[in-house]
Amino acid sequence: MTSKERAALRAQAHHLDPLINVGKESLTPEVTAAIDEALEARELIKIGVLKNCFDDPREIAEMVAVRTKSEVVQVMGKKITLYRYNKKKHKEK
């Protein structure tokens, strides 16, 4: 992903609210599955890392990206923005 693509995705994600929150249990298989489903439906999502989660948000972002085959657009504070291209969604248009 180029820096221009990343900047455009950050601009699109600016108005999004976090769909999924990662809590004190950190990345459970259920949370990962929910993130995967959200990426399938929307392509671009935000994830919130709650205060009671003691893992580093950057590490969580990298783990989620690997597990869901997505790309980390941005990690700002405790908010993670992920993107995964969906061929089916673009094929319909």
Protein backbone atom coordinates (compact mmCIF):
# COMPACT_ATOMS: atom_id res chain seq x y z
CA MET A 1 0.00 0.00 0.00
CA THR A 2 1.41 3.37 -0.99
CA SER A 3 1.41 6.39 1.26
CA LYS A 4 -1.20 8.11 -0.94
CA GLU A 5 -3.53 5.10 -0.67
CA ARG A 6 -2.98 5.00 3.08
CA ALA A 7 -3.75 8.74 3.35
CA ALA A 8 -6.97 8.32 1.36
CA LEU A 9 -8.06 5.43 3.59
CA ARG A 10 -7.26 7.44 6.72
CA ALA A 11 -9.45 10.25 5.38
CA GLN A 12 -12.33 7.83 4.75
CA ALA A 13 -11.94 6.28 8.20
CA HIS A 14 -11.86 9.62 10.02
CA HIS A 15 -15.64 9.68 10.52
CA LEU A 16 -16.00 6.00 11.43
CA ASP A 17 -16.72 4.84 14.94
CA PRO A 18 -15.05 1.70 16.29
CA LEU A 19 -17.11 -1.37 15.39
CA ILE A 20 -15.31 -3.76 17.70
CA ASN A 21 -13.65 -3.23 21.05
CA VAL A 22 -10.76 -5.32 22.36
CA GLY A 23 -11.02 -5.72 26.13
CA LYS A 24 -9.03 -7.31 28.93
CA GLU A 25 -9.12 -10.74 27.27
CA SER A 26 -7.19 -9.19 24.35
CA LEU A 27 -7.42 -11.08 21.04
CA THR A 28 -9.64 -14.10 21.52
CA PRO A 29 -10.66 -16.27 18.55
CA GLU A 30 -14.16 -14.78 18.82
CA VAL A 31 -12.86 -11.21 18.54
CA THR A 32 -10.68 -12.18 15.58
CA ALA A 33 -13.66 -13.84 13.86
CA ALA A 34 -15.81 -10.75 14.45
CA ILE A 35 -13.10 -8.53 12.95
CA ASP A 36 -12.84 -10.85 9.95
CA GLU A 37 -16.61 -10.68 9.38
CA ALA A 38 -16.60 -6.88 9.69
CA LEU A 39 -13.79 -6.59 7.15
CA GLU A 40 -15.70 -8.85 4.77
CA ALA A 41 -18.76 -6.61 5.02
CA ARG A 42 -17.14 -3.15 5.06
CA GLU A 43 -13.49 -3.35 3.91
CA LEU A 44 -12.46 -0.44 6.16
CA ILE A 45 -13.06 -0.65 9.91
CA LYS A 46 -11.92 0.87 13.18
CA ILE A 47 -11.19 -1.15 16.29
CA GLY A 48 -11.05 0.30 19.79
CA VAL A 49 -8.66 -1.00 22.44
CA LEU A 50 -10.19 -0.50 25.87
CA LYS A 51 -8.29 0.84 28.87
CA ASN A 52 -8.44 -2.51 30.65
CA CYS A 53 -6.48 -4.19 27.81
CA PHE A 54 -2.82 -4.06 28.77
CA ASP A 55 -1.43 -5.17 25.38
CA ASP A 56 0.17 -2.62 23.07
CA PRO A 57 -2.29 -1.46 20.36
CA ARG A 58 0.44 -1.67 17.69
CA GLU A 59 1.12 -5.31 18.54
CA ILE A 60 -2.61 -6.05 18.50
CA ALA A 61 -2.91 -4.36 15.10
CA GLU A 62 -0.10 -6.46 13.64
CA MET A 63 -1.54 -9.70 15.03
CA VAL A 64 -5.01 -8.91 13.70
CA ALA A 65 -3.60 -7.97 10.29
CA VAL A 66 -1.78 -11.28 10.02
CA ARG A 67 -4.74 -13.35 11.22
CA THR A 68 -7.28 -11.62 8.96
CA LYS A 69 -4.97 -11.02 5.97
CA SER A 70 -5.67 -7.29 6.14
CA GLU A 71 -3.48 -4.18 6.24
CA VAL A 72 -2.99 -1.75 9.09
CA VAL A 73 -3.88 1.71 7.87
CA GLN A 74 -3.26 3.54 11.13
CA VAL A 75 -2.79 3.08 14.85
CA MET A 76 -3.56 6.27 16.73
CA GLY A 77 -3.62 6.00 20.48
CA LYS A 78 -6.00 3.15 21.25
CA LYS A 79 -7.75 3.17 17.86
CA ILE A 80 -6.75 0.80 15.06
CA THR A 81 -7.83 1.23 11.44
CA LEU A 82 -7.73 -1.85 9.19
CA TYR A 83 -8.39 -2.35 5.48
CA ARG A 84 -8.91 -5.46 3.39
CA TYR A 85 -9.85 -5.34 -0.28
CA ASN A 86 -13.00 -7.33 -1.08
CA LYS A 87 -13.13 -8.58 -4.68
CA LYS A 88 -16.81 -9.55 -4.42
CA LYS A 89 -17.84 -6.07 -3.35
CA HIS A 90 -16.08 -4.38 -6.27
CA LYS A 91 -17.26 -6.99 -8.75
CA GLU A 92 -20.91 -6.09 -8.06
CA LYS A 93 -20.42 -2.42 -9.01
